[in-house]
N, C-alpha and C. Protein backbone atom coordinates (compact mmCIF):
# COMPACT_ATOMS: atom_id res chain seq x y z
N MET A 1 102.69 123.00 119.68
CA MET A 1 103.69 122.19 119.02
C MET A 1 104.72 123.12 118.38
N LYS A 2 105.94 122.68 118.44
CA LYS A 2 107.02 123.42 117.79
C LYS A 2 107.19 122.86 116.38
N ILE A 3 107.12 123.75 115.39
CA ILE A 3 107.20 123.35 114.00
C ILE A 3 108.38 124.07 113.37
N TYR A 4 109.27 123.30 112.79
CA TYR A 4 110.44 123.86 112.13
C TYR A 4 110.31 123.62 110.63
N CYS A 5 110.32 124.70 109.86
CA CYS A 5 110.18 124.59 108.40
C CYS A 5 111.49 124.99 107.73
N GLU A 6 111.85 124.23 106.70
CA GLU A 6 113.02 124.57 105.90
C GLU A 6 112.70 124.31 104.44
N ASN A 7 112.94 125.32 103.63
CA ASN A 7 112.79 125.17 102.19
C ASN A 7 114.18 125.01 101.61
N SER A 8 114.54 123.79 101.22
CA SER A 8 115.90 123.52 100.76
C SER A 8 115.96 123.38 99.23
N GLN A 9 114.98 123.93 98.55
CA GLN A 9 114.97 123.89 97.08
C GLN A 9 114.67 125.29 96.55
N ASP A 10 114.99 125.51 95.30
CA ASP A 10 114.73 126.83 94.71
C ASP A 10 114.00 126.74 93.37
N LYS A 11 113.39 125.61 93.08
CA LYS A 11 112.68 125.44 91.81
C LYS A 11 111.25 125.98 91.85
N ILE A 12 110.62 125.88 93.01
CA ILE A 12 109.23 126.32 93.19
C ILE A 12 109.22 127.38 94.29
N ASP A 13 108.55 128.49 94.03
CA ASP A 13 108.48 129.57 95.02
C ASP A 13 107.57 129.14 96.18
N ILE A 14 108.14 129.15 97.36
CA ILE A 14 107.39 128.87 98.59
C ILE A 14 107.32 130.19 99.35
N SER A 15 106.19 130.85 99.25
CA SER A 15 106.04 132.18 99.84
C SER A 15 105.94 132.11 101.36
N ALA A 16 106.12 133.26 101.99
CA ALA A 16 105.96 133.35 103.44
C ALA A 16 104.53 132.98 103.83
N GLY A 17 103.56 133.38 103.00
CA GLY A 17 102.16 133.04 103.25
C GLY A 17 101.91 131.55 103.21
N LEU A 18 102.54 130.87 102.27
CA LEU A 18 102.41 129.41 102.19
C LEU A 18 103.05 128.74 103.40
N GLU A 19 104.20 129.23 103.82
CA GLU A 19 104.83 128.68 105.03
C GLU A 19 103.92 128.86 106.25
N GLN A 20 103.24 130.01 106.33
CA GLN A 20 102.31 130.25 107.43
C GLN A 20 101.13 129.27 107.38
N GLN A 21 100.63 128.99 106.16
CA GLN A 21 99.55 128.02 106.02
C GLN A 21 100.02 126.62 106.42
N LEU A 22 101.25 126.27 106.08
CA LEU A 22 101.81 124.98 106.51
C LEU A 22 101.80 124.90 108.03
N GLN A 23 102.28 125.95 108.66
CA GLN A 23 102.31 126.00 110.12
C GLN A 23 100.89 125.86 110.69
N ARG A 24 99.93 126.57 110.10
CA ARG A 24 98.54 126.51 110.58
C ARG A 24 97.97 125.11 110.44
N GLY A 25 98.21 124.48 109.28
CA GLY A 25 97.70 123.13 109.06
C GLY A 25 98.25 122.13 110.06
N LEU A 26 99.55 122.19 110.30
CA LEU A 26 100.17 121.28 111.25
C LEU A 26 99.70 121.56 112.68
N GLN A 27 99.54 122.85 113.01
CA GLN A 27 99.10 123.20 114.36
C GLN A 27 97.67 122.73 114.62
N VAL A 28 96.82 122.79 113.60
CA VAL A 28 95.44 122.31 113.76
C VAL A 28 95.44 120.81 114.06
N VAL A 29 96.26 120.04 113.34
CA VAL A 29 96.36 118.60 113.62
C VAL A 29 96.87 118.39 115.05
N ALA A 30 97.86 119.17 115.44
CA ALA A 30 98.40 119.06 116.81
C ALA A 30 97.31 119.35 117.84
N ASP A 31 96.52 120.39 117.60
CA ASP A 31 95.46 120.75 118.54
C ASP A 31 94.38 119.66 118.59
N LEU A 32 93.99 119.14 117.43
CA LEU A 32 92.97 118.09 117.38
C LEU A 32 93.42 116.83 118.11
N HIS A 33 94.73 116.59 118.14
CA HIS A 33 95.27 115.39 118.79
C HIS A 33 95.87 115.70 120.17
N ARG A 34 95.64 116.91 120.63
CA ARG A 34 96.08 117.36 121.96
C ARG A 34 97.56 117.09 122.19
N LEU A 35 98.35 117.44 121.18
CA LEU A 35 99.80 117.27 121.33
C LEU A 35 100.36 118.37 122.24
N SER A 36 101.34 118.03 123.00
CA SER A 36 101.98 118.96 123.91
C SER A 36 102.68 120.08 123.14
N GLU A 37 102.79 121.22 123.78
CA GLU A 37 103.55 122.33 123.19
C GLU A 37 105.02 121.96 123.03
N ARG A 38 105.47 120.93 123.73
CA ARG A 38 106.87 120.51 123.67
C ARG A 38 107.10 119.46 122.59
N THR A 39 106.05 119.12 121.85
CA THR A 39 106.19 118.21 120.72
C THR A 39 106.84 118.98 119.57
N GLU A 40 107.81 118.34 118.93
CA GLU A 40 108.51 118.98 117.82
C GLU A 40 108.38 118.16 116.54
N VAL A 41 108.21 118.87 115.45
CA VAL A 41 108.18 118.24 114.13
C VAL A 41 108.90 119.19 113.17
N SER A 42 109.60 118.61 112.21
CA SER A 42 110.23 119.44 111.19
C SER A 42 109.67 119.08 109.83
N ILE A 43 109.59 120.08 108.99
CA ILE A 43 109.13 119.89 107.62
C ILE A 43 110.17 120.50 106.70
N THR A 44 110.56 119.71 105.70
CA THR A 44 111.55 120.17 104.75
C THR A 44 110.98 120.05 103.35
N ILE A 45 111.09 121.12 102.59
CA ILE A 45 110.62 121.15 101.21
C ILE A 45 111.85 120.90 100.33
N VAL A 46 111.74 119.90 99.45
CA VAL A 46 112.88 119.47 98.64
C VAL A 46 112.47 119.37 97.16
N THR A 47 113.44 119.00 96.32
CA THR A 47 113.20 118.76 94.90
C THR A 47 112.77 117.31 94.68
N ASP A 48 112.27 117.04 93.48
CA ASP A 48 111.96 115.66 93.11
C ASP A 48 113.20 114.78 93.20
N GLU A 49 114.32 115.31 92.77
CA GLU A 49 115.57 114.53 92.79
C GLU A 49 115.92 114.10 94.22
N GLU A 50 115.81 115.03 95.15
CA GLU A 50 116.17 114.71 96.54
C GLU A 50 115.20 113.71 97.16
N ILE A 51 113.90 113.90 96.94
CA ILE A 51 112.94 112.97 97.53
C ILE A 51 113.05 111.60 96.86
N HIS A 52 113.42 111.57 95.58
CA HIS A 52 113.66 110.31 94.88
C HIS A 52 114.77 109.53 95.57
N GLN A 53 115.87 110.21 95.88
CA GLN A 53 116.99 109.56 96.57
C GLN A 53 116.56 109.02 97.93
N LEU A 54 115.82 109.80 98.68
CA LEU A 54 115.35 109.37 100.00
C LEU A 54 114.38 108.19 99.88
N ASN A 55 113.49 108.24 98.91
CA ASN A 55 112.53 107.16 98.70
C ASN A 55 113.25 105.86 98.35
N LYS A 56 114.27 105.98 97.53
CA LYS A 56 115.05 104.79 97.14
C LYS A 56 115.84 104.25 98.33
N GLN A 57 116.47 105.14 99.07
CA GLN A 57 117.31 104.74 100.19
C GLN A 57 116.52 104.13 101.34
N TYR A 58 115.40 104.74 101.69
CA TYR A 58 114.68 104.31 102.89
C TYR A 58 113.49 103.39 102.62
N ARG A 59 112.95 103.40 101.40
CA ARG A 59 111.78 102.57 101.10
C ARG A 59 112.03 101.60 99.96
N ASN A 60 113.21 101.69 99.38
CA ASN A 60 113.59 100.85 98.24
C ASN A 60 112.61 101.01 97.06
N VAL A 61 112.13 102.25 96.89
CA VAL A 61 111.24 102.59 95.79
C VAL A 61 111.98 103.59 94.91
N ASP A 62 112.27 103.20 93.68
CA ASP A 62 113.14 103.96 92.80
C ASP A 62 112.37 104.97 91.95
N ARG A 63 111.74 105.92 92.63
CA ARG A 63 111.03 107.01 91.94
C ARG A 63 110.74 108.12 92.96
N PRO A 64 110.48 109.31 92.46
CA PRO A 64 110.10 110.38 93.41
C PRO A 64 108.71 110.09 93.97
N THR A 65 108.41 110.72 95.08
CA THR A 65 107.08 110.64 95.69
C THR A 65 106.71 112.05 96.14
N ASP A 66 105.53 112.21 96.68
CA ASP A 66 105.11 113.54 97.11
C ASP A 66 105.52 113.87 98.53
N VAL A 67 105.40 112.90 99.45
CA VAL A 67 105.71 113.17 100.86
C VAL A 67 106.26 111.90 101.52
N LEU A 68 107.22 112.11 102.40
CA LEU A 68 107.77 111.04 103.23
C LEU A 68 107.72 111.50 104.68
N SER A 69 107.44 110.58 105.57
CA SER A 69 107.44 110.87 107.01
C SER A 69 108.41 109.93 107.69
N PHE A 70 109.22 110.50 108.56
CA PHE A 70 110.20 109.72 109.31
C PHE A 70 109.98 109.96 110.79
N ALA A 71 109.45 108.95 111.49
CA ALA A 71 109.23 109.06 112.93
C ALA A 71 110.56 108.99 113.65
N LEU A 72 110.73 109.86 114.62
CA LEU A 72 111.99 109.90 115.37
C LEU A 72 111.88 109.25 116.73
N ASP A 73 110.67 109.02 117.19
CA ASP A 73 110.53 108.56 118.57
C ASP A 73 109.94 107.17 118.72
N GLU A 74 109.94 106.39 117.68
CA GLU A 74 109.36 105.05 117.78
C GLU A 74 110.12 104.19 118.79
N GLY A 75 109.47 103.92 119.92
CA GLY A 75 110.04 103.04 120.93
C GLY A 75 111.19 103.63 121.72
N GLU A 76 111.41 104.92 121.62
CA GLU A 76 112.53 105.53 122.33
C GLU A 76 112.02 106.35 123.51
N GLU A 77 112.91 106.56 124.45
CA GLU A 77 112.61 107.42 125.57
C GLU A 77 112.66 108.88 125.11
N PRO A 78 111.85 109.77 125.68
CA PRO A 78 111.91 111.18 125.30
C PRO A 78 113.28 111.78 125.60
N GLU A 79 113.67 112.71 124.77
CA GLU A 79 114.94 113.40 124.98
C GLU A 79 114.75 114.52 126.00
N LEU A 80 115.70 114.67 126.90
CA LEU A 80 115.62 115.75 127.88
C LEU A 80 116.47 116.92 127.41
N VAL A 81 115.83 118.08 127.33
CA VAL A 81 116.51 119.30 126.94
C VAL A 81 116.24 120.31 128.04
N ASP A 82 117.29 120.86 128.63
CA ASP A 82 117.15 121.81 129.74
C ASP A 82 116.30 121.23 130.87
N GLY A 83 116.41 119.93 131.09
CA GLY A 83 115.68 119.29 132.18
C GLY A 83 114.22 119.02 131.88
N SER A 84 113.77 119.39 130.68
CA SER A 84 112.37 119.20 130.32
C SER A 84 112.26 118.13 129.24
N GLU A 85 111.14 117.46 129.26
CA GLU A 85 110.91 116.41 128.28
C GLU A 85 110.51 117.01 126.94
N GLU A 86 111.23 116.66 125.89
CA GLU A 86 110.90 117.05 124.52
C GLU A 86 110.33 115.84 123.82
N HIS A 87 109.31 116.04 123.03
CA HIS A 87 108.74 114.95 122.25
C HIS A 87 109.11 115.20 120.79
N LEU A 88 110.19 114.58 120.34
CA LEU A 88 110.65 114.75 118.97
C LEU A 88 109.87 113.78 118.09
N LEU A 89 108.80 114.28 117.50
CA LEU A 89 107.88 113.42 116.77
C LEU A 89 108.49 112.90 115.47
N GLY A 90 109.06 113.78 114.66
CA GLY A 90 109.66 113.30 113.41
C GLY A 90 109.81 114.37 112.36
N ASP A 91 110.16 113.89 111.16
CA ASP A 91 110.42 114.76 110.02
C ASP A 91 109.44 114.46 108.90
N ILE A 92 109.01 115.51 108.24
CA ILE A 92 108.15 115.40 107.06
C ILE A 92 108.92 116.02 105.90
N ILE A 93 109.06 115.27 104.83
CA ILE A 93 109.77 115.74 103.64
C ILE A 93 108.75 115.82 102.50
N ILE A 94 108.68 116.98 101.84
CA ILE A 94 107.72 117.19 100.75
C ILE A 94 108.47 117.64 99.50
N SER A 95 108.12 117.04 98.37
CA SER A 95 108.66 117.50 97.09
C SER A 95 107.81 118.65 96.57
N ALA A 96 108.43 119.83 96.43
CA ALA A 96 107.72 121.00 95.92
C ALA A 96 107.28 120.78 94.48
N GLU A 97 108.12 120.15 93.68
CA GLU A 97 107.80 119.93 92.27
C GLU A 97 106.59 119.01 92.13
N THR A 98 106.57 117.92 92.88
CA THR A 98 105.43 116.99 92.82
C THR A 98 104.18 117.66 93.36
N ALA A 99 104.31 118.43 94.43
CA ALA A 99 103.16 119.14 95.00
C ALA A 99 102.59 120.11 93.97
N GLU A 100 103.44 120.82 93.25
CA GLU A 100 102.95 121.75 92.24
C GLU A 100 102.21 121.01 91.13
N ARG A 101 102.79 119.92 90.65
CA ARG A 101 102.16 119.11 89.59
C ARG A 101 100.80 118.57 90.05
N GLN A 102 100.78 117.98 91.24
CA GLN A 102 99.54 117.40 91.75
C GLN A 102 98.49 118.47 92.01
N GLY A 103 98.90 119.61 92.52
CA GLY A 103 97.95 120.71 92.74
C GLY A 103 97.31 121.16 91.45
N ARG A 104 98.09 121.18 90.39
CA ARG A 104 97.58 121.54 89.06
C ARG A 104 96.64 120.44 88.54
N GLU A 105 97.07 119.18 88.66
CA GLU A 105 96.27 118.04 88.19
C GLU A 105 94.92 117.96 88.91
N PHE A 106 94.92 118.19 90.22
CA PHE A 106 93.70 118.09 91.01
C PHE A 106 92.87 119.37 90.96
N GLY A 107 93.42 120.44 90.38
CA GLY A 107 92.69 121.67 90.19
C GLY A 107 92.57 122.56 91.42
N HIS A 108 93.42 122.36 92.41
CA HIS A 108 93.33 123.20 93.61
C HIS A 108 94.61 123.97 93.92
N GLY A 109 95.64 123.81 93.15
CA GLY A 109 96.83 124.62 93.29
C GLY A 109 97.84 124.15 94.32
N LEU A 110 98.97 124.84 94.31
CA LEU A 110 100.11 124.48 95.16
C LEU A 110 99.80 124.62 96.64
N GLU A 111 99.15 125.71 97.03
CA GLU A 111 98.94 125.96 98.46
C GLU A 111 98.18 124.81 99.13
N ARG A 112 97.02 124.45 98.58
CA ARG A 112 96.26 123.38 99.20
C ARG A 112 97.02 122.07 99.16
N GLU A 113 97.68 121.79 98.04
CA GLU A 113 98.37 120.51 97.91
C GLU A 113 99.51 120.37 98.91
N ILE A 114 100.30 121.40 99.04
CA ILE A 114 101.47 121.29 99.92
C ILE A 114 101.04 121.24 101.39
N VAL A 115 100.00 121.98 101.75
CA VAL A 115 99.49 121.92 103.13
C VAL A 115 98.86 120.55 103.38
N TYR A 116 98.10 120.05 102.41
CA TYR A 116 97.52 118.71 102.53
C TYR A 116 98.60 117.67 102.76
N LEU A 117 99.69 117.72 101.97
CA LEU A 117 100.77 116.75 102.12
C LEU A 117 101.41 116.85 103.51
N ALA A 118 101.54 118.05 104.04
CA ALA A 118 102.10 118.22 105.38
C ALA A 118 101.18 117.60 106.43
N VAL A 119 99.88 117.87 106.31
CA VAL A 119 98.90 117.29 107.23
C VAL A 119 98.93 115.76 107.13
N HIS A 120 98.96 115.25 105.91
CA HIS A 120 99.04 113.80 105.67
C HIS A 120 100.28 113.22 106.35
N GLY A 121 101.41 113.89 106.15
CA GLY A 121 102.66 113.42 106.75
C GLY A 121 102.62 113.41 108.27
N LEU A 122 102.03 114.46 108.86
CA LEU A 122 101.93 114.51 110.32
C LEU A 122 101.02 113.40 110.84
N LEU A 123 99.93 113.13 110.14
CA LEU A 123 99.06 112.05 110.57
C LEU A 123 99.78 110.71 110.53
N HIS A 124 100.65 110.51 109.54
CA HIS A 124 101.47 109.29 109.53
C HIS A 124 102.35 109.23 110.78
N LEU A 125 102.95 110.36 111.16
CA LEU A 125 103.79 110.38 112.36
C LEU A 125 102.99 110.06 113.62
N LEU A 126 101.70 110.36 113.57
CA LEU A 126 100.82 110.09 114.72
C LEU A 126 100.25 108.68 114.69
N GLY A 127 100.63 107.89 113.68
CA GLY A 127 100.22 106.49 113.65
C GLY A 127 99.12 106.15 112.67
N TYR A 128 98.59 107.13 111.96
CA TYR A 128 97.55 106.85 110.97
C TYR A 128 98.20 106.24 109.72
N ASP A 129 97.42 105.44 109.02
CA ASP A 129 97.92 104.81 107.81
C ASP A 129 96.76 104.64 106.84
N HIS A 130 97.04 104.14 105.66
CA HIS A 130 95.99 103.94 104.66
C HIS A 130 96.19 102.62 103.93
N MET A 131 96.59 101.60 104.69
CA MET A 131 96.81 100.28 104.11
C MET A 131 95.50 99.54 103.85
N SER A 132 94.54 99.69 104.74
CA SER A 132 93.23 99.05 104.54
C SER A 132 92.23 100.14 104.16
N GLU A 133 91.12 99.76 103.58
CA GLU A 133 90.10 100.73 103.19
C GLU A 133 89.57 101.47 104.41
N GLU A 134 89.37 100.75 105.51
CA GLU A 134 88.88 101.37 106.75
C GLU A 134 89.87 102.42 107.26
N ASP A 135 91.15 102.08 107.27
CA ASP A 135 92.18 103.03 107.70
C ASP A 135 92.26 104.23 106.76
N LYS A 136 92.12 103.98 105.48
CA LYS A 136 92.17 105.05 104.47
C LYS A 136 91.04 106.05 104.70
N VAL A 137 89.82 105.54 104.96
CA VAL A 137 88.67 106.41 105.20
C VAL A 137 88.90 107.24 106.47
N LEU A 138 89.39 106.62 107.53
CA LEU A 138 89.66 107.34 108.77
C LEU A 138 90.70 108.43 108.56
N MET A 139 91.79 108.08 107.89
CA MET A 139 92.85 109.06 107.66
C MET A 139 92.35 110.21 106.79
N ARG A 140 91.60 109.91 105.76
CA ARG A 140 91.06 110.94 104.87
C ARG A 140 90.12 111.86 105.64
N THR A 141 89.32 111.31 106.55
CA THR A 141 88.42 112.12 107.37
C THR A 141 89.21 113.07 108.25
N LYS A 142 90.27 112.59 108.86
CA LYS A 142 91.13 113.43 109.72
C LYS A 142 91.80 114.53 108.89
N GLU A 143 92.26 114.18 107.68
CA GLU A 143 92.90 115.17 106.81
C GLU A 143 91.93 116.29 106.46
N GLU A 144 90.73 115.92 106.04
CA GLU A 144 89.75 116.92 105.62
C GLU A 144 89.25 117.75 106.80
N GLU A 145 89.18 117.15 107.98
CA GLU A 145 88.80 117.92 109.17
C GLU A 145 89.81 119.04 109.39
N ALA A 146 91.07 118.71 109.37
CA ALA A 146 92.12 119.71 109.58
C ALA A 146 92.12 120.76 108.47
N MET A 147 92.03 120.30 107.23
CA MET A 147 92.06 121.23 106.09
C MET A 147 90.86 122.18 106.13
N GLY A 148 89.70 121.68 106.51
CA GLY A 148 88.51 122.51 106.61
C GLY A 148 88.65 123.59 107.67
N LEU A 149 89.30 123.25 108.77
CA LEU A 149 89.46 124.21 109.87
C LEU A 149 90.37 125.39 109.50
N ILE A 150 91.19 125.22 108.47
CA ILE A 150 92.04 126.35 108.04
C ILE A 150 91.56 126.93 106.70
N GLY A 151 90.35 126.55 106.28
CA GLY A 151 89.78 127.11 105.06
C GLY A 151 90.29 126.53 103.77
N LEU A 152 90.89 125.33 103.85
CA LEU A 152 91.41 124.69 102.63
C LEU A 152 90.76 123.34 102.37
N GLY A 153 89.55 123.15 102.89
CA GLY A 153 88.83 121.90 102.68
C GLY A 153 88.42 121.72 101.23
N GLU A 154 88.12 120.48 100.87
CA GLU A 154 87.74 120.17 99.49
C GLU A 154 86.57 121.00 98.98
N GLU A 155 85.62 121.31 99.86
CA GLU A 155 84.43 122.04 99.42
C GLU A 155 84.79 123.40 98.83
N ARG A 156 85.88 123.97 99.25
CA ARG A 156 86.30 125.29 98.74
C ARG A 156 86.73 125.19 97.27
N PHE A 157 87.13 124.02 96.83
CA PHE A 157 87.71 123.87 95.49
C PHE A 157 86.77 123.17 94.52
N LYS A 158 85.52 122.97 94.91
CA LYS A 158 84.54 122.29 94.02
C LYS A 158 83.87 123.30 93.14
């Protein structure tokens, strides 16, 4: 899978190591779901203010959130680039400030929280949801499977 990362905020330090962990987390989900190497996803790290605006604009929720996922290919034909089929899966937007706060609150820090949010966002792009208890349990199981495979599972932080 092709993963494009952009840090468009400067309030929270996002190290090169953290970006690599983001890439690893997303790639593990891609591998577990047998996504093509031509599948593309982008992840953008933003401020609370920016994610608040997006949340209000696209979900009509007037507050910041931790992660938003925007599917790009719902019901559309694949885009052809250089004669090859590209699977433009979507965009994941994460608030660095909220991730830092939540990582502190949950006691596992920024790295695990931001990677978890990226994995969570990618699973949403793949069709997982948490509206029912059954769906929530399934999604949580998939999240922890991926996090465990990169050494950031919950058991490490207990």
